[in-house]
Structures are given as structure tokens and as C-alpha cells.
Amino acid sequence: AVFTSSHRKALWLIWAPMVYLNILGPVWFMMPVVAWASGAPGRQFPFANVRGVVKTNFPLYITVYFIQCHSVFYWNFLSFGLDIFFVTCMIYIAAQLHIMGKRLSNVGRGAKVDGNRGVDNEKRRLQKLEDKSYKPLEADGRSEESLAELVDCIKAHHHILSFLLVLQDVMSPVAMAQFVCSATAACITLFQATFNPEGNSIFKCLMYLPMPAFQIYIYCWGGHEIIDEGSSLSVSAYSCAWIGATRRFTTALHILMCRAQKPLILTAGKLYPVNRDTFVSLINGSYSFYALLRQMRGH
């Protein structure tokens, strides 16, 4: 159930922006044609407006027109594809941490975690187990088995943290560049939509405006999922059947709980923590810069 839910999230993140961009792109492609058919003076391009001889030379104009349309197709896959790859990795890590929490809760109970069971069913089952009295592990003869289960969980947790460090090293500069570019793009797009006298450009800017915010949000949302799942491991470890366990078991459990209390925070450029607070801060900063530009233009 955990992997199924994570798979659905990843599919939504893949298809939602791609569908929107593949609708937005053809609309932008046709706007210069519609403007020309409606009698607008001059020749326009769908994206970057090139001045000079390009518009007077019709074959060259058509060539540049199709190059712009074709380039955007690859830009969609390169830009959003890289973002979605990193966010999918974060979803995978959060799912592994969630499964780790369920495994820790069942250590010493003599029951395997059912991977097909929903999260809500698992919580209800754990609440029922909390009301029951625990048998000492030593008296039950299950101390070594429980210790082996805990050691497996600790090893799995170590592998998850190792993968998280690799993701941090690879993703950090990309996320930082994306934050800066998206916040700047949102500010400039909003400024153009406000002061551009052409109604055609206003419509294009307003249609594009959600995309920079979305590119920032998916990073911050994925990073926050890891923080939430990582912080819950300590409570999950405390929920296991540790009463009556050996000293080796409780010592290992205590070390794991102390390590789990350290937040699993990814950073962008070792400057911004990748979480929801950063998303709000970047959006506020982008709007503040837009307000400054608007005030300067007014003077």
C-alpha cells in the first residue's frame, strides 16, 4: 500500500505538468497566427520576439518560428524531467522511511508487516496492541529474534541515510539554481502581465505564471515529506515491544531513537532548507521584488 500510494504520487507529478505544458505550448504556438489573422500589424513569434531582418525575410521568419516551437518541446522534458526525477527520489525515500517506521513498530511482536495493508489499518492495529500487556521477551525466548529484527532495521536505516546523502550532493546545486530561476521568472512574469499593454502577452504570462511556483513547490513538498517521515521514526521505535528486552536490545534501540531525532533536511546550495517554509519564503520574496519594481516604475 505504501509503494502503491508513492507510485500514484509520482505518476501525478509526471503527468500533471506535462499535460498542462502540452496544452499551454500549442496555445502559445497559435497566438501569432491568430494575431496575424485578426489584422495585427507586423509578424510576431510565439516566445522570444526577434527584431530586424528576420520579420522582413519570410523564409527566415518561418525557420525561426518553428525552431522556437521545437525547442520548447525539449525544454519541457529537460527542465521538468530533471525536477521530477529528484522529487521522485524524495518520494521513494519518504516511502522507505514510512515502511521503516512500520517495521520498527512491529519489532518484538512476532508479526510481519503486511505490505498490502493500508496505513489507517496499520494504525488501528497498533492502537489495539497498545492496550494489551506485553510479555517479557526473555521469558518468551524471542530476545535474539527481536534483536535480529532491530539490527536489520538499523542497517536499512543506514542505507536510507546513505542514499539521502548521495541525493543531497547531486540535487543541491540543481535545486538552488531552480529556486533562483523560478523565483526570478515568477517576478518577471508577474511584472510583464501587469505593465505589458498587449492583451496577447498578458494572457500568455498569466498562463505561464503557475509553472515557476510549481517547480519550487514540488522540491519543497518532497523535502518536507522526508522530514515528517524521518521525525516519526523515533516514536515508531518507542512503540515496539521493548519491555523486558535485553540490555543489548534497549541500547541499540536508544541509539536508533537518538539518531532518528536528528531532522533529515535536504538543502539547496547548502543555503535553503528544502521544506514548505522555504517555498513560502521564496514566493514572498518574489512578490516583494515585484512590488519594488512596480514602485520604481511608478516613480
Protein backbone atom coordinates (compact mmCIF):
# COMPACT_ATOMS: atom_id res chain seq x y z
CA ALA A 1 0.00 0.00 0.00
CA VAL A 2 2.85 2.39 0.76
CA PHE A 3 4.56 1.84 -2.58
CA THR A 4 1.23 1.99 -4.41
CA SER A 5 0.50 5.38 -2.86
CA SER A 6 4.01 6.61 -3.68
CA HIS A 7 3.66 5.35 -7.24
CA ARG A 8 0.44 7.31 -7.64
CA LYS A 9 2.09 10.48 -6.33
CA ALA A 10 4.97 10.07 -8.77
CA LEU A 11 2.59 9.50 -11.69
CA TRP A 12 0.62 12.61 -10.76
CA LEU A 13 3.80 14.68 -10.63
CA ILE A 14 4.85 13.36 -14.03
CA TRP A 15 1.61 13.71 -15.94
CA ALA A 16 0.05 16.85 -14.43
CA PRO A 17 2.75 19.35 -15.51
CA MET A 18 3.36 17.60 -18.82
CA VAL A 19 -0.33 17.70 -19.75
CA TYR A 20 -0.57 21.36 -18.74
CA LEU A 21 2.55 22.31 -20.71
CA ASN A 22 1.44 20.35 -23.77
CA ILE A 23 -1.80 22.32 -23.66
CA LEU A 24 -0.05 25.62 -22.96
CA GLY A 25 2.55 25.15 -25.71
CA PRO A 26 0.16 24.84 -28.69
CA VAL A 27 -1.83 27.80 -27.39
CA TRP A 28 1.34 29.91 -27.47
CA PHE A 29 2.25 28.47 -30.87
CA MET A 30 -1.01 29.66 -32.42
CA MET A 31 -1.20 33.11 -30.84
CA PRO A 32 0.94 34.86 -33.51
CA VAL A 33 -1.15 33.20 -36.22
CA VAL A 34 -4.37 34.35 -34.56
CA ALA A 35 -2.96 37.87 -34.15
CA TRP A 36 -1.96 37.96 -37.84
CA ALA A 37 -5.39 36.68 -38.93
CA SER A 38 -7.10 39.35 -36.83
CA GLY A 39 -5.19 42.09 -38.64
CA ALA A 40 -2.45 42.88 -36.11
CA PRO A 41 0.48 44.77 -37.69
CA GLY A 42 3.83 43.02 -38.04
CA ARG A 43 4.94 39.45 -37.51
CA GLN A 44 5.21 38.03 -34.03
CA PHE A 45 6.96 34.98 -32.61
CA PRO A 46 5.42 32.57 -30.08
CA PHE A 47 8.14 33.13 -27.44
CA ALA A 48 11.22 35.35 -27.89
CA ASN A 49 10.45 38.28 -30.14
CA VAL A 50 13.29 38.82 -32.65
CA ARG A 51 13.56 42.26 -34.22
CA GLY A 52 15.04 43.29 -37.54
CA VAL A 53 15.58 41.45 -40.76
CA VAL A 54 14.01 38.24 -39.51
CA LYS A 55 10.49 39.63 -39.84
CA THR A 56 11.08 41.04 -43.30
CA ASN A 57 12.53 37.79 -44.65
CA PHE A 58 9.59 35.37 -44.71
CA PRO A 59 11.57 32.08 -45.12
CA LEU A 60 13.87 33.09 -42.27
CA TYR A 61 10.85 34.10 -40.18
CA ILE A 62 9.23 30.67 -40.70
CA THR A 63 12.51 28.94 -39.81
CA VAL A 64 12.93 30.84 -36.54
CA TYR A 65 9.24 30.32 -35.76
CA PHE A 66 9.50 26.54 -35.99
CA ILE A 67 12.84 26.46 -34.17
CA GLN A 68 11.24 28.22 -31.19
CA CYS A 69 8.27 25.84 -31.19
CA HIS A 70 10.52 22.78 -31.45
CA SER A 71 12.96 23.98 -28.77
CA VAL A 72 10.21 24.37 -26.19
CA PHE A 73 9.30 20.70 -26.62
CA TYR A 74 12.80 19.67 -25.49
CA TRP A 75 12.87 22.31 -22.77
CA ASN A 76 9.79 20.73 -21.20
CA PHE A 77 11.48 17.36 -20.91
CA LEU A 78 14.87 18.67 -19.81
CA SER A 79 13.69 21.15 -17.19
CA PHE A 80 10.69 19.37 -15.71
CA GLY A 81 12.15 15.93 -16.31
CA LEU A 82 15.12 16.68 -14.06
CA ASP A 83 12.91 18.21 -11.38
CA ILE A 84 10.51 15.27 -11.43
CA PHE A 85 13.41 12.80 -11.21
CA PHE A 86 14.70 14.37 -7.99
CA VAL A 87 11.22 14.66 -6.49
CA THR A 88 10.52 11.01 -7.34
CA CYS A 89 13.70 10.07 -5.47
CA MET A 90 12.43 12.04 -2.46
CA ILE A 91 9.07 10.25 -2.65
CA TYR A 92 10.93 6.93 -2.71
CA ILE A 93 12.98 7.87 0.38
CA ALA A 94 9.86 9.01 2.24
CA ALA A 95 8.16 5.69 1.38
CA GLN A 96 11.17 3.74 2.67
CA LEU A 97 11.13 5.74 5.90
CA HIS A 98 7.40 5.08 6.27
CA ILE A 99 7.94 1.33 5.86
CA MET A 100 10.83 1.53 8.30
CA GLY A 101 8.53 3.08 10.89
CA LYS A 102 6.02 0.27 10.47
CA ARG A 103 8.77 -2.35 10.80
CA LEU A 104 10.08 -0.72 13.97
CA SER A 105 6.61 -0.67 15.50
CA ASN A 106 6.35 -4.43 14.99
CA VAL A 107 9.78 -5.40 16.35
CA GLY A 108 9.33 -7.97 19.11
CA ARG A 109 5.66 -8.57 18.43
CA GLY A 110 6.20 -11.74 16.46
CA ALA A 111 4.29 -10.38 13.42
CA LYS A 112 5.44 -9.43 9.96
CA VAL A 113 4.39 -6.16 8.42
CA ASP A 114 1.83 -6.71 5.69
CA GLY A 115 2.92 -4.55 2.78
CA ASN A 116 -0.57 -4.63 1.25
CA ARG A 117 -2.27 -3.26 4.33
CA GLY A 118 -3.28 0.40 4.36
CA VAL A 119 -1.76 2.94 6.68
CA ASP A 120 -5.04 3.50 8.50
CA ASN A 121 -5.48 -0.21 9.18
CA GLU A 122 -1.95 -0.38 10.50
CA LYS A 123 -2.54 2.50 12.90
CA ARG A 124 -5.74 0.90 14.21
CA ARG A 125 -3.94 -2.39 14.73
CA LEU A 126 -1.14 -0.69 16.65
CA GLN A 127 -3.66 1.10 18.86
CA LYS A 128 -5.21 -2.25 19.75
CA LEU A 129 -1.80 -3.71 20.54
CA GLU A 130 -1.03 -0.83 22.86
CA ASP A 131 -3.94 -1.85 25.06
CA LYS A 132 -2.57 -5.37 25.50
CA SER A 133 0.02 -6.35 28.06
CA TYR A 134 3.45 -7.25 26.76
CA LYS A 135 5.21 -10.48 27.66
CA PRO A 136 8.86 -10.10 28.52
CA LEU A 137 10.99 -11.00 25.55
CA GLU A 138 13.45 -13.05 27.58
CA ALA A 139 10.70 -15.17 29.11
CA ASP A 140 9.19 -15.69 25.67
CA GLY A 141 12.51 -16.80 24.21
CA ARG A 142 12.29 -14.16 21.48
CA SER A 143 15.06 -11.80 22.58
CA GLU A 144 17.56 -12.89 19.92
CA GLU A 145 14.93 -12.81 17.20
CA SER A 146 13.83 -9.34 18.23
CA LEU A 147 17.43 -8.14 18.33
CA ALA A 148 18.00 -9.50 14.83
CA GLU A 149 14.90 -7.65 13.62
CA LEU A 150 16.14 -4.43 15.19
CA VAL A 151 19.60 -4.86 13.65
CA ASP A 152 18.00 -5.32 10.23
CA CYS A 153 16.04 -2.11 10.75
CA ILE A 154 19.19 -0.24 11.78
CA LYS A 155 21.02 -1.47 8.67
CA ALA A 156 18.11 -0.47 6.45
CA HIS A 157 18.03 2.95 8.13
CA HIS A 158 21.74 3.35 7.45
CA HIS A 159 21.23 2.53 3.76
CA ILE A 160 18.42 5.09 3.54
CA LEU A 161 20.63 7.77 5.10
CA SER A 162 23.45 6.91 2.69
CA PHE A 163 21.14 7.30 -0.28
CA LEU A 164 19.89 10.58 1.18
CA LEU A 165 23.46 11.91 1.33
CA VAL A 166 24.03 10.98 -2.32
CA LEU A 167 20.79 12.71 -3.29
CA GLN A 168 21.83 15.79 -1.32
CA ASP A 169 25.17 16.05 -3.14
CA VAL A 170 23.61 15.64 -6.59
CA MET A 171 20.42 17.65 -6.09
CA SER A 172 21.71 20.60 -4.06
CA PRO A 173 23.14 22.76 -6.90
CA VAL A 174 20.26 21.91 -9.23
CA ALA A 175 17.65 22.82 -6.60
CA MET A 176 19.45 26.08 -5.83
CA ALA A 177 19.52 27.05 -9.49
CA GLN A 178 15.86 26.12 -9.83
CA PHE A 179 14.87 28.21 -6.81
CA VAL A 180 16.69 31.29 -8.12
CA CYS A 181 15.47 30.94 -11.70
CA SER A 182 11.87 30.12 -10.78
CA ALA A 183 11.57 32.95 -8.24
CA THR A 184 13.03 35.39 -10.78
CA ALA A 185 10.79 34.07 -13.55
CA ALA A 186 7.69 34.43 -11.38
CA CYS A 187 8.60 38.04 -10.57
CA ILE A 188 9.32 39.00 -14.19
CA THR A 189 6.24 37.21 -15.49
CA LEU A 190 4.01 38.99 -12.99
CA PHE A 191 5.64 42.32 -13.87
CA GLN A 192 5.06 41.78 -17.59
CA ALA A 193 1.47 40.72 -17.03
CA THR A 194 0.87 43.94 -15.09
CA PHE A 195 2.53 46.51 -17.35
CA ASN A 196 2.53 44.98 -20.84
CA PRO A 197 -0.10 46.82 -22.90
CA GLU A 198 -0.63 43.90 -25.28
CA GLY A 199 -3.54 41.73 -24.23
CA ASN A 200 -1.98 38.77 -26.02
CA SER A 201 1.15 38.93 -23.84
CA ILE A 202 -0.89 39.32 -20.66
CA PHE A 203 -2.77 36.11 -21.41
CA LYS A 204 0.46 34.20 -22.06
CA CYS A 205 2.08 35.48 -18.87
CA LEU A 206 -0.89 34.55 -16.71
CA MET A 207 -0.98 31.05 -18.20
CA TYR A 208 2.73 30.53 -17.53
CA LEU A 209 2.76 32.05 -14.03
CA PRO A 210 1.77 28.84 -12.12
CA MET A 211 4.71 26.87 -13.53
CA PRO A 212 7.62 28.59 -11.67
CA ALA A 213 5.71 28.27 -8.40
CA PHE A 214 5.00 24.60 -9.15
CA GLN A 215 8.68 23.88 -9.84
CA ILE A 216 9.63 25.33 -6.46
CA TYR A 217 6.77 23.65 -4.62
CA ILE A 218 7.48 20.07 -5.74
CA TYR A 219 11.00 20.28 -4.31
CA CYS A 220 9.79 21.75 -1.03
CA TRP A 221 6.91 19.30 -0.75
CA GLY A 222 9.18 16.28 -1.33
CA GLY A 223 11.75 17.53 1.17
CA HIS A 224 9.05 18.12 3.78
CA GLU A 225 7.73 14.57 3.30
CA ILE A 226 11.18 13.22 4.19
CA ILE A 227 11.35 15.44 7.28
CA ASP A 228 7.93 14.27 8.50
CA GLU A 229 8.61 10.58 7.94
CA GLY A 230 12.09 10.79 9.46
CA SER A 231 10.86 12.56 12.60
CA SER A 232 8.23 9.86 13.20
CA LEU A 233 10.82 7.05 13.39
CA SER A 234 11.66 7.83 17.00
CA VAL A 235 8.02 7.39 18.05
CA SER A 236 7.75 4.21 15.98
CA ALA A 237 10.85 2.79 17.66
CA TYR A 238 9.41 3.57 21.10
CA SER A 239 6.20 1.75 20.10
CA CYS A 240 7.96 -1.59 19.65
CA ALA A 241 7.84 -4.37 22.28
CA TRP A 242 10.92 -3.27 24.19
CA ILE A 243 9.56 -4.06 27.68
CA GLY A 244 11.58 -6.88 29.20
CA ALA A 245 14.16 -6.81 26.42
CA THR A 246 17.87 -7.39 26.91
CA ARG A 247 20.33 -4.60 27.52
CA ARG A 248 21.80 -5.04 24.04
CA PHE A 249 18.35 -4.54 22.55
CA THR A 250 17.50 -1.44 24.57
CA THR A 251 20.94 0.11 23.94
CA ALA A 252 20.64 -0.35 20.18
CA LEU A 253 17.08 0.96 20.30
CA HIS A 254 18.15 4.02 22.26
CA ILE A 255 20.91 4.83 19.74
CA LEU A 256 18.47 4.46 16.86
CA MET A 257 15.94 6.75 18.56
CA CYS A 258 18.61 9.40 19.19
CA ARG A 259 19.71 9.27 15.56
CA ALA A 260 16.10 9.43 14.34
CA GLN A 261 15.55 12.66 16.28
CA LYS A 262 18.02 14.46 14.00
CA PRO A 263 15.97 16.09 11.21
CA LEU A 264 16.59 14.73 7.72
CA ILE A 265 16.84 18.09 5.96
CA LEU A 266 17.88 18.46 2.35
CA THR A 267 19.34 21.81 1.34
CA ALA A 268 19.52 23.79 -1.88
CA GLY A 269 23.06 25.02 -2.41
CA LYS A 270 23.68 24.44 1.31
CA LEU A 271 21.75 27.65 1.86
CA TYR A 272 18.00 26.99 1.75
CA PRO A 273 16.41 24.03 3.55
CA VAL A 274 14.11 22.21 1.18
CA ASN A 275 10.77 22.41 3.03
CA ARG A 276 7.43 24.19 2.86
CA ASP A 277 8.64 27.19 4.84
CA THR A 278 11.23 27.83 2.14
CA PHE A 279 8.51 27.72 -0.52
CA VAL A 280 6.52 30.40 1.29
CA SER A 281 9.67 32.47 1.82
CA LEU A 282 10.64 32.32 -1.88
CA ILE A 283 7.15 33.24 -3.06
CA ASN A 284 7.05 36.16 -0.62
CA GLY A 285 10.50 37.28 -1.77
CA SER A 286 9.49 37.09 -5.42
CA TYR A 287 6.38 39.18 -4.77
CA SER A 288 8.37 41.70 -2.71
CA PHE A 289 10.80 42.17 -5.59
CA TYR A 290 7.85 42.59 -7.96
CA ALA A 291 6.37 45.24 -5.66
CA LEU A 292 9.74 47.03 -5.65
CA LEU A 293 9.91 47.03 -9.46
CA ARG A 294 6.35 48.27 -9.62
CA GLN A 295 7.11 51.11 -7.23
CA MET A 296 10.24 52.08 -9.18
CA ARG A 297 8.26 52.13 -12.43
CA GLY A 298 5.63 54.33 -10.79
CA HIS A 299 8.26 56.91 -9.90
